[in-house]
Amino acid sequence: MHDRTPEPLFPDACRTGRKFTTPCCAASSHEFRVDGVLHLASRVAGHGWSVPWRGCIEDINDTGTVVEQDGSERRIHWQGARESR
């Protein structure tokens, strides 16, 4: 996992407060706004942060939980039809 870092590449002030967590492992994707552009970066417990990529929480097509800025949670499920986009 040479592309992981102990800290995210964006400062905490850039976090939108939204994240997506997966039920199968200790991983979460966090949303950041940098210069008006949304980015995602994933964190895996014990392995650190991934290199960020452009995207937002709504782009994630997986089964897991979206945590909103206010702390509310909602479950989403993988949708096979979205894979073809």
PDB file of N, CA and C in Angstrom:
ATOM      1  N   MET A   1       0.823  -1.186   0.000  1.00  0.00           N
ATOM      2  CA  MET A   1       0.000   0.000   0.000  1.00  0.00           C
ATOM      3  C   MET A   1       0.868   1.250   0.000  1.00  0.00           C
ATOM      4  N   HIS A   2       1.690   1.355  -0.988  1.00  0.00           N
ATOM      5  CA  HIS A   2       2.621   2.463  -1.081  1.00  0.00           C
ATOM      6  C   HIS A   2       1.955   3.806  -1.326  1.00  0.00           C
ATOM      7  N   ASP A   3       0.681   3.806  -1.746  1.00  0.00           N
ATOM      8  CA  ASP A   3       0.009   5.066  -2.041  1.00  0.00           C
ATOM      9  C   ASP A   3      -0.758   5.619  -0.844  1.00  0.00           C
ATOM     10  N   ARG A   4      -0.597   5.045   0.328  1.00  0.00           N
ATOM     11  CA  ARG A   4      -1.325   5.497   1.518  1.00  0.00           C
ATOM     12  C   ARG A   4      -0.420   6.360   2.397  1.00  0.00           C
ATOM     13  N   THR A   5      -1.056   7.321   3.078  1.00  0.00           N
ATOM     14  CA  THR A   5      -0.331   8.207   3.979  1.00  0.00           C
ATOM     15  C   THR A   5      -0.999   8.169   5.355  1.00  0.00           C
ATOM     16  N   PRO A   6      -0.264   8.473   6.411  1.00  0.00           N
ATOM     17  CA  PRO A   6      -0.876   8.457   7.745  1.00  0.00           C
ATOM     18  C   PRO A   6      -1.942   9.537   7.934  1.00  0.00           C
ATOM     19  N   GLU A   7      -1.827  10.640   7.231  1.00  0.00           N
ATOM     20  CA  GLU A   7      -2.772  11.758   7.341  1.00  0.00           C
ATOM     21  C   GLU A   7      -3.367  12.039   5.962  1.00  0.00           C
ATOM     22  N   PRO A   8      -4.612  12.554   5.896  1.00  0.00           N
ATOM     23  CA  PRO A   8      -5.185  12.899   4.587  1.00  0.00           C
ATOM     24  C   PRO A   8      -4.371  14.011   3.932  1.00  0.00           C
ATOM     25  N   LEU A   9      -4.390  14.046   2.608  1.00  0.00           N
ATOM     26  CA  LEU A   9      -3.608  15.051   1.887  1.00  0.00           C
ATOM     27  C   LEU A   9      -4.264  16.432   1.908  1.00  0.00           C
ATOM     28  N   PHE A  10      -5.527  16.525   2.354  1.00  0.00           N
ATOM     29  CA  PHE A  10      -6.203  17.810   2.493  1.00  0.00           C
ATOM     30  C   PHE A  10      -6.382  18.111   3.973  1.00  0.00           C
ATOM     31  N   PRO A  11      -6.333  19.379   4.359  1.00  0.00           N
ATOM     32  CA  PRO A  11      -6.535  19.725   5.777  1.00  0.00           C
ATOM     33  C   PRO A  11      -7.981  19.477   6.215  1.00  0.00           C
ATOM     34  N   ASP A  12      -8.162  19.305   7.516  1.00  0.00           N
ATOM     35  CA  ASP A  12      -9.493  19.067   8.073  1.00  0.00           C
ATOM     36  C   ASP A  12     -10.488  20.159   7.696  1.00  0.00           C
ATOM     37  N   ALA A  13     -10.020  21.373   7.528  1.00  0.00           N
ATOM     38  CA  ALA A  13     -10.914  22.486   7.175  1.00  0.00           C
ATOM     39  C   ALA A  13     -11.585  22.267   5.820  1.00  0.00           C
ATOM     40  N   CYS A  14     -11.043  21.393   4.982  1.00  0.00           N
ATOM     41  CA  CYS A  14     -11.625  21.115   3.670  1.00  0.00           C
ATOM     42  C   CYS A  14     -12.686  20.012   3.708  1.00  0.00           C
ATOM     43  N   ARG A  15     -12.846  19.346   4.838  1.00  0.00           N
ATOM     44  CA  ARG A  15     -13.837  18.269   4.933  1.00  0.00           C
ATOM     45  C   ARG A  15     -15.244  18.848   4.862  1.00  0.00           C
ATOM     46  N   THR A  16     -16.109  18.149   4.142  1.00  0.00           N
ATOM     47  CA  THR A  16     -17.513  18.575   4.077  1.00  0.00           C
ATOM     48  C   THR A  16     -18.289  18.047   5.270  1.00  0.00           C
ATOM     49  N   GLY A  17     -17.759  17.072   5.958  1.00  0.00           N
ATOM     50  CA  GLY A  17     -18.449  16.457   7.077  1.00  0.00           C
ATOM     51  C   GLY A  17     -19.235  15.222   6.684  1.00  0.00           C
ATOM     52  N   ARG A  18     -19.216  14.865   5.411  1.00  0.00           N
ATOM     53  CA  ARG A  18     -19.915  13.683   4.935  1.00  0.00           C
ATOM     54  C   ARG A  18     -18.921  12.548   4.744  1.00  0.00           C
ATOM     55  N   LYS A  19     -19.376  11.307   5.040  1.00  0.00           N
ATOM     56  CA  LYS A  19     -18.520  10.155   4.791  1.00  0.00           C
ATOM     57  C   LYS A  19     -19.373   8.937   4.499  1.00  0.00           C
ATOM     58  N   PHE A  20     -18.740   7.938   3.930  1.00  0.00           N
ATOM     59  CA  PHE A  20     -19.379   6.673   3.612  1.00  0.00           C
ATOM     60  C   PHE A  20     -18.571   5.576   4.285  1.00  0.00           C
ATOM     61  N   THR A  21     -19.237   4.717   5.015  1.00  0.00           N
ATOM     62  CA  THR A  21     -18.540   3.616   5.676  1.00  0.00           C
ATOM     63  C   THR A  21     -19.040   2.291   5.118  1.00  0.00           C
ATOM     64  N   THR A  22     -18.139   1.338   5.019  1.00  0.00           N
ATOM     65  CA  THR A  22     -18.495   0.010   4.526  1.00  0.00           C
ATOM     66  C   THR A  22     -18.651  -0.939   5.695  1.00  0.00           C
ATOM     67  N   PRO A  23     -19.580  -1.884   5.593  1.00  0.00           N
ATOM     68  CA  PRO A  23     -19.805  -2.809   6.703  1.00  0.00           C
ATOM     69  C   PRO A  23     -18.784  -3.948   6.778  1.00  0.00           C
ATOM     70  N   CYS A  24     -18.076  -4.194   5.700  1.00  0.00           N
ATOM     71  CA  CYS A  24     -17.239  -5.395   5.647  1.00  0.00           C
ATOM     72  C   CYS A  24     -15.827  -5.197   6.189  1.00  0.00           C
ATOM     73  N   CYS A  25     -15.384  -3.984   6.310  1.00  0.00           N
ATOM     74  CA  CYS A  25     -14.026  -3.755   6.814  1.00  0.00           C
ATOM     75  C   CYS A  25     -13.969  -2.388   7.490  1.00  0.00           C
ATOM     76  N   ALA A  26     -12.889  -2.109   8.105  1.00  0.00           N
ATOM     77  CA  ALA A  26     -12.728  -0.825   8.799  1.00  0.00           C
ATOM     78  C   ALA A  26     -12.256   0.232   7.803  1.00  0.00           C
ATOM     79  N   ALA A  27     -13.148   0.594   6.875  1.00  0.00           N
ATOM     80  CA  ALA A  27     -12.806   1.566   5.840  1.00  0.00           C
ATOM     81  C   ALA A  27     -13.906   2.618   5.734  1.00  0.00           C
ATOM     82  N   SER A  28     -13.494   3.811   5.385  1.00  0.00           N
ATOM     83  CA  SER A  28     -14.459   4.883   5.161  1.00  0.00           C
ATOM     84  C   SER A  28     -13.915   5.823   4.097  1.00  0.00           C
ATOM     85  N   SER A  29     -14.829   6.406   3.329  1.00  0.00           N
ATOM     86  CA  SER A  29     -14.475   7.413   2.330  1.00  0.00           C
ATOM     87  C   SER A  29     -14.997   8.745   2.831  1.00  0.00           C
ATOM     88  N   HIS A  30     -14.149   9.748   2.797  1.00  0.00           N
ATOM     89  CA  HIS A  30     -14.490  11.077   3.299  1.00  0.00           C
ATOM     90  C   HIS A  30     -14.520  12.057   2.135  1.00  0.00           C
ATOM     91  N   GLU A  31     -15.441  13.010   2.202  1.00  0.00           N
ATOM     92  CA  GLU A  31     -15.607  14.010   1.161  1.00  0.00           C
ATOM     93  C   GLU A  31     -14.881  15.294   1.570  1.00  0.00           C
ATOM     94  N   PHE A  32     -14.146  15.866   0.633  1.00  0.00           N
ATOM     95  CA  PHE A  32     -13.402  17.118   0.841  1.00  0.00           C
ATOM     96  C   PHE A  32     -13.774  18.094  -0.272  1.00  0.00           C
ATOM     97  N   ARG A  33     -13.856  19.384   0.057  1.00  0.00           N
ATOM     98  CA  ARG A  33     -14.048  20.420  -0.957  1.00  0.00           C
ATOM     99  C   ARG A  33     -12.767  21.248  -0.997  1.00  0.00           C
ATOM    100  N   VAL A  34     -12.125  21.237  -2.167  1.00  0.00           N
ATOM    101  CA  VAL A  34     -10.865  21.955  -2.345  1.00  0.00           C
ATOM    102  C   VAL A  34     -11.012  22.854  -3.565  1.00  0.00           C
ATOM    103  N   ASP A  35     -10.875  24.142  -3.361  1.00  0.00           N
ATOM    104  CA  ASP A  35     -11.030  25.126  -4.437  1.00  0.00           C
ATOM    105  C   ASP A  35     -12.341  24.931  -5.189  1.00  0.00           C
ATOM    106  N   GLY A  36     -13.411  24.626  -4.448  1.00  0.00           N
ATOM    107  CA  GLY A  36     -14.732  24.470  -5.042  1.00  0.00           C
ATOM    108  C   GLY A  36     -14.998  23.124  -5.700  1.00  0.00           C
ATOM    109  N   VAL A  37     -14.039  22.218  -5.663  1.00  0.00           N
ATOM    110  CA  VAL A  37     -14.181  20.906  -6.299  1.00  0.00           C
ATOM    111  C   VAL A  37     -14.241  19.828  -5.222  1.00  0.00           C
ATOM    112  N   LEU A  38     -15.200  18.898  -5.361  1.00  0.00           N
ATOM    113  CA  LEU A  38     -15.319  17.802  -4.406  1.00  0.00           C
ATOM    114  C   LEU A  38     -14.345  16.679  -4.738  1.00  0.00           C
ATOM    115  N   HIS A  39     -13.762  16.147  -3.688  1.00  0.00           N
ATOM    116  CA  HIS A  39     -12.831  15.017  -3.785  1.00  0.00           C
ATOM    117  C   HIS A  39     -13.202  13.987  -2.728  1.00  0.00           C
ATOM    118  N   LEU A  40     -12.841  12.753  -2.985  1.00  0.00           N
ATOM    119  CA  LEU A  40     -12.988  11.682  -2.004  1.00  0.00           C
ATOM    120  C   LEU A  40     -11.612  11.136  -1.667  1.00  0.00           C
ATOM    121  N   ALA A  41     -11.456  10.690  -0.451  1.00  0.00           N
ATOM    122  CA  ALA A  41     -10.243   9.981  -0.027  1.00  0.00           C
ATOM    123  C   ALA A  41     -10.697   8.913   0.960  1.00  0.00           C
ATOM    124  N   SER A  42     -10.135   7.735   0.824  1.00  0.00           N
ATOM    125  CA  SER A  42     -10.519   6.627   1.698  1.00  0.00           C
ATOM    126  C   SER A  42      -9.475   6.404   2.773  1.00  0.00           C
ATOM    127  N   ARG A  43      -9.973   5.980   3.924  1.00  0.00           N
ATOM    128  CA  ARG A  43      -9.090   5.644   5.036  1.00  0.00           C
ATOM    129  C   ARG A  43      -9.398   4.218   5.461  1.00  0.00           C
ATOM    130  N   VAL A  44      -8.353   3.411   5.536  1.00  0.00           N
ATOM    131  CA  VAL A  44      -8.480   2.028   6.002  1.00  0.00           C
ATOM    132  C   VAL A  44      -7.724   1.935   7.319  1.00  0.00           C
ATOM    133  N   ALA A  45      -8.420   1.475   8.355  1.00  0.00           N
ATOM    134  CA  ALA A  45      -7.794   1.371   9.681  1.00  0.00           C
ATOM    135  C   ALA A  45      -6.496   0.582   9.601  1.00  0.00           C
ATOM    136  N   GLY A  46      -5.457   1.155  10.149  1.00  0.00           N
ATOM    137  CA  GLY A  46      -4.156   0.496  10.168  1.00  0.00           C
ATOM    138  C   GLY A  46      -3.337   0.657   8.902  1.00  0.00           C
ATOM    139  N   HIS A  47      -3.936   1.254   7.852  1.00  0.00           N
ATOM    140  CA  HIS A  47      -3.214   1.402   6.585  1.00  0.00           C
ATOM    141  C   HIS A  47      -3.116   2.836   6.108  1.00  0.00           C
ATOM    142  N   GLY A  48      -3.899   3.739   6.675  1.00  0.00           N
ATOM    143  CA  GLY A  48      -3.807   5.145   6.324  1.00  0.00           C
ATOM    144  C   GLY A  48      -4.772   5.582   5.239  1.00  0.00           C
ATOM    145  N   TRP A  49      -4.465   6.734   4.640  1.00  0.00           N
ATOM    146  CA  TRP A  49      -5.313   7.415   3.668  1.00  0.00           C
ATOM    147  C   TRP A  49      -4.858   7.149   2.245  1.00  0.00           C
ATOM    148  N   SER A  50      -5.826   7.023   1.340  1.00  0.00           N
ATOM    149  CA  SER A  50      -5.523   6.862  -0.085  1.00  0.00           C
ATOM    150  C   SER A  50      -5.217   8.216  -0.708  1.00  0.00           C
ATOM    151  N   VAL A  51      -4.737   8.173  -1.924  1.00  0.00           N
ATOM    152  CA  VAL A  51      -4.592   9.380  -2.727  1.00  0.00           C
ATOM    153  C   VAL A  51      -6.006   9.840  -3.091  1.00  0.00           C
ATOM    154  N   PRO A  52      -6.337  11.116  -2.925  1.00  0.00           N
ATOM    155  CA  PRO A  52      -7.690  11.598  -3.222  1.00  0.00           C
ATOM    156  C   PRO A  52      -7.988  11.563  -4.724  1.00  0.00           C
ATOM    157  N   TRP A  53      -9.280  11.487  -5.040  1.00  0.00           N
ATOM    158  CA  TRP A  53      -9.720  11.548  -6.417  1.00  0.00           C
ATOM    159  C   TRP A  53     -10.979  12.404  -6.480  1.00  0.00           C
ATOM    160  N   ARG A  54     -11.262  12.976  -7.660  1.00  0.00           N
ATOM    161  CA  ARG A  54     -12.457  13.800  -7.824  1.00  0.00           C
ATOM    162  C   ARG A  54     -13.685  12.931  -7.666  1.00  0.00           C
ATOM    163  N   GLY A  55     -14.651  13.429  -6.926  1.00  0.00           N
ATOM    164  CA  GLY A  55     -15.890  12.700  -6.745  1.00  0.00           C
ATOM    165  C   GLY A  55     -16.603  13.162  -5.494  1.00  0.00           C
ATOM    166  N   CYS A  56     -17.808  12.630  -5.316  1.00  0.00           N
ATOM    167  CA  CYS A  56     -18.604  12.961  -4.138  1.00  0.00           C
ATOM    168  C   CYS A  56     -19.248  11.691  -3.604  1.00  0.00           C
ATOM    169  N   ILE A  57     -19.834  11.791  -2.440  1.00  0.00           N
ATOM    170  CA  ILE A  57     -20.451  10.638  -1.788  1.00  0.00           C
ATOM    171  C   ILE A  57     -21.484   9.982  -2.711  1.00  0.00           C
ATOM    172  N   GLU A  58     -22.257  10.777  -3.448  1.00  0.00           N
ATOM    173  CA  GLU A  58     -23.274  10.216  -4.343  1.00  0.00           C
ATOM    174  C   GLU A  58     -22.682   9.360  -5.454  1.00  0.00           C
ATOM    175  N   ASP A  59     -21.398   9.509  -5.744  1.00  0.00           N
ATOM    176  CA  ASP A  59     -20.750   8.701  -6.779  1.00  0.00           C
ATOM    177  C   ASP A  59     -20.475   7.272  -6.320  1.00  0.00           C
ATOM    178  N   ILE A  60     -20.500   7.027  -5.030  1.00  0.00           N
ATOM    179  CA  ILE A  60     -20.152   5.713  -4.494  1.00  0.00           C
ATOM    180  C   ILE A  60     -21.303   4.739  -4.733  1.00  0.00           C
ATOM    181  N   ASN A  61     -20.999   3.627  -5.371  1.00  0.00           N
ATOM    182  CA  ASN A  61     -22.001   2.582  -5.617  1.00  0.00           C
ATOM    183  C   ASN A  61     -21.546   1.339  -4.869  1.00  0.00           C
ATOM    184  N   ASP A  62     -21.928   1.257  -3.621  1.00  0.00           N
ATOM    185  CA  ASP A  62     -21.544   0.146  -2.765  1.00  0.00           C
ATOM    186  C   ASP A  62     -22.586   0.047  -1.653  1.00  0.00           C
ATOM    187  N   THR A  63     -22.550  -1.028  -0.923  1.00  0.00           N
ATOM    188  CA  THR A  63     -23.434  -1.169   0.227  1.00  0.00           C
ATOM    189  C   THR A  63     -22.716  -0.613   1.442  1.00  0.00           C
ATOM    190  N   GLY A  64     -23.386   0.262   2.160  1.00  0.00           N
ATOM    191  CA  GLY A  64     -22.777   0.854   3.345  1.00  0.00           C
ATOM    192  C   GLY A  64     -23.664   1.925   3.933  1.00  0.00           C
ATOM    193  N   THR A  65     -23.060   2.787   4.706  1.00  0.00           N
ATOM    194  CA  THR A  65     -23.790   3.836   5.413  1.00  0.00           C
ATOM    195  C   THR A  65     -23.211   5.200   5.065  1.00  0.00           C
ATOM    196  N   VAL A  66     -24.088   6.111   4.671  1.00  0.00           N
ATOM    197  CA  VAL A  66     -23.692   7.498   4.441  1.00  0.00           C
ATOM    198  C   VAL A  66     -23.946   8.244   5.746  1.00  0.00           C
ATOM    199  N   VAL A  67     -22.931   8.946   6.219  1.00  0.00           N
ATOM    200  CA  VAL A  67     -23.062   9.786   7.409  1.00  0.00           C
ATOM    201  C   VAL A  67     -23.052  11.231   6.920  1.00  0.00           C
ATOM    202  N   GLU A  68     -24.159  11.937   7.199  1.00  0.00           N
ATOM    203  CA  GLU A  68     -24.308  13.321   6.752  1.00  0.00           C
ATOM    204  C   GLU A  68     -23.613  14.277   7.719  1.00  0.00           C
ATOM    205  N   GLN A  69     -23.536  15.552   7.336  1.00  0.00           N
ATOM    206  CA  GLN A  69     -22.884  16.572   8.154  1.00  0.00           C
ATOM    207  C   GLN A  69     -23.477  16.676   9.550  1.00  0.00           C
ATOM    208  N   ASP A  70     -24.776  16.461   9.667  1.00  0.00           N
ATOM    209  CA  ASP A  70     -25.429  16.596  10.967  1.00  0.00           C
ATOM    210  C   ASP A  70     -25.343  15.317  11.809  1.00  0.00           C
ATOM    211  N   GLY A  71     -24.650  14.300  11.295  1.00  0.00           N
ATOM    212  CA  GLY A  71     -24.492  13.048  12.024  1.00  0.00           C
ATOM    213  C   GLY A  71     -25.553  12.013  11.722  1.00  0.00           C
ATOM    214  N   SER A  72     -26.590  12.399  10.986  1.00  0.00           N
ATOM    215  CA  SER A  72     -27.617  11.421  10.623  1.00  0.00           C
ATOM    216  C   SER A  72     -27.029  10.400   9.652  1.00  0.00           C
ATOM    217  N   GLU A  73     -27.591   9.224   9.674  1.00  0.00           N
ATOM    218  CA  GLU A  73     -27.085   8.127   8.856  1.00  0.00           C
ATOM    219  C   GLU A  73     -28.196   7.554   7.990  1.00  0.00           C
ATOM    220  N   ARG A  74     -27.809   7.059   6.816  1.00  0.00           N
ATOM    221  CA  ARG A  74     -28.750   6.334   5.965  1.00  0.00           C
ATOM    222  C   ARG A  74     -28.005   5.233   5.236  1.00  0.00           C
ATOM    223  N   ARG A  75     -28.667   4.097   5.131  1.00  0.00           N
ATOM    224  CA  ARG A  75     -28.071   2.949   4.451  1.00  0.00           C
ATOM    225  C   ARG A  75     -28.290   3.084   2.952  1.00  0.00           C
ATOM    226  N   ILE A  76     -27.294   2.695   2.189  1.00  0.00           N
ATOM    227  CA  ILE A  76     -27.456   2.591   0.741  1.00  0.00           C
ATOM    228  C   ILE A  76     -26.994   1.201   0.326  1.00  0.00           C
ATOM    229  N   HIS A  77     -27.445   0.770  -0.825  1.00  0.00           N
ATOM    230  CA  HIS A  77     -27.126  -0.563  -1.317  1.00  0.00           C
ATOM    231  C   HIS A  77     -26.558  -0.474  -2.722  1.00  0.00           C
ATOM    232  N   TRP A  78     -25.616  -1.351  -3.009  1.00  0.00           N
ATOM    233  CA  TRP A  78     -25.031  -1.447  -4.337  1.00  0.00           C
ATOM    234  C   TRP A  78     -26.137  -1.647  -5.353  1.00  0.00           C
ATOM    235  N   GLN A  79     -26.020  -0.980  -6.515  1.00  0.00           N
ATOM    236  CA  GLN A  79     -27.018  -1.093  -7.570  1.00  0.00           C
ATOM    237  C   GLN A  79     -26.324  -1.509  -8.859  1.00  0.00           C
ATOM    238  N   GLY A  80     -26.591  -2.715  -9.291  1.00  0.00           N
ATOM    239  CA  GLY A  80     -25.967  -3.246 -10.501  1.00  0.00           C
ATOM    240  C   GLY A  80     -26.198  -2.376 -11.724  1.00  0.00           C
ATOM    241  N   ALA A  81     -27.363  -1.758 -11.820  1.00  0.00           N
ATOM    242  CA  ALA A  81     -27.682  -0.907 -12.975  1.00  0.00           C
ATOM    243  C   ALA A  81     -26.754   0.291 -13.059  1.00  0.00           C
ATOM    244  N   ARG A  82     -26.223   0.746 -11.944  1.00  0.00           N
ATOM    245  CA  ARG A  82     -25.326   1.916 -11.950  1.00  0.00           C
ATOM    246  C   ARG A  82     -23.950   1.566 -12.475  1.00  0.00           C
ATOM    247  N   GLU A  83     -23.580   0.297 -12.490  1.00  0.00           N
ATOM    248  CA  GLU A  83     -22.253  -0.116 -12.954  1.00  0.00           C
ATOM    249  C   GLU A  83     -22.029   0.180 -14.431  1.00  0.00           C
ATOM    250  N   SER A  84     -23.085   0.211 -15.211  1.00  0.00           N
ATOM    251  CA  SER A  84     -22.938   0.387 -16.651  1.00  0.00           C
ATOM    252  C   SER A  84     -22.763   1.845 -17.069  1.00  0.00           C
ATOM    253  N   ARG A  85     -22.898   2.761 -16.128  1.00  0.00           N
ATOM    254  CA  ARG A  85     -22.730   4.183 -16.461  1.00  0.00           C
ATOM    255  C   ARG A  85     -21.303   4.535 -16.699  1.00  0.00           C
TER     256      ARG A  85
END
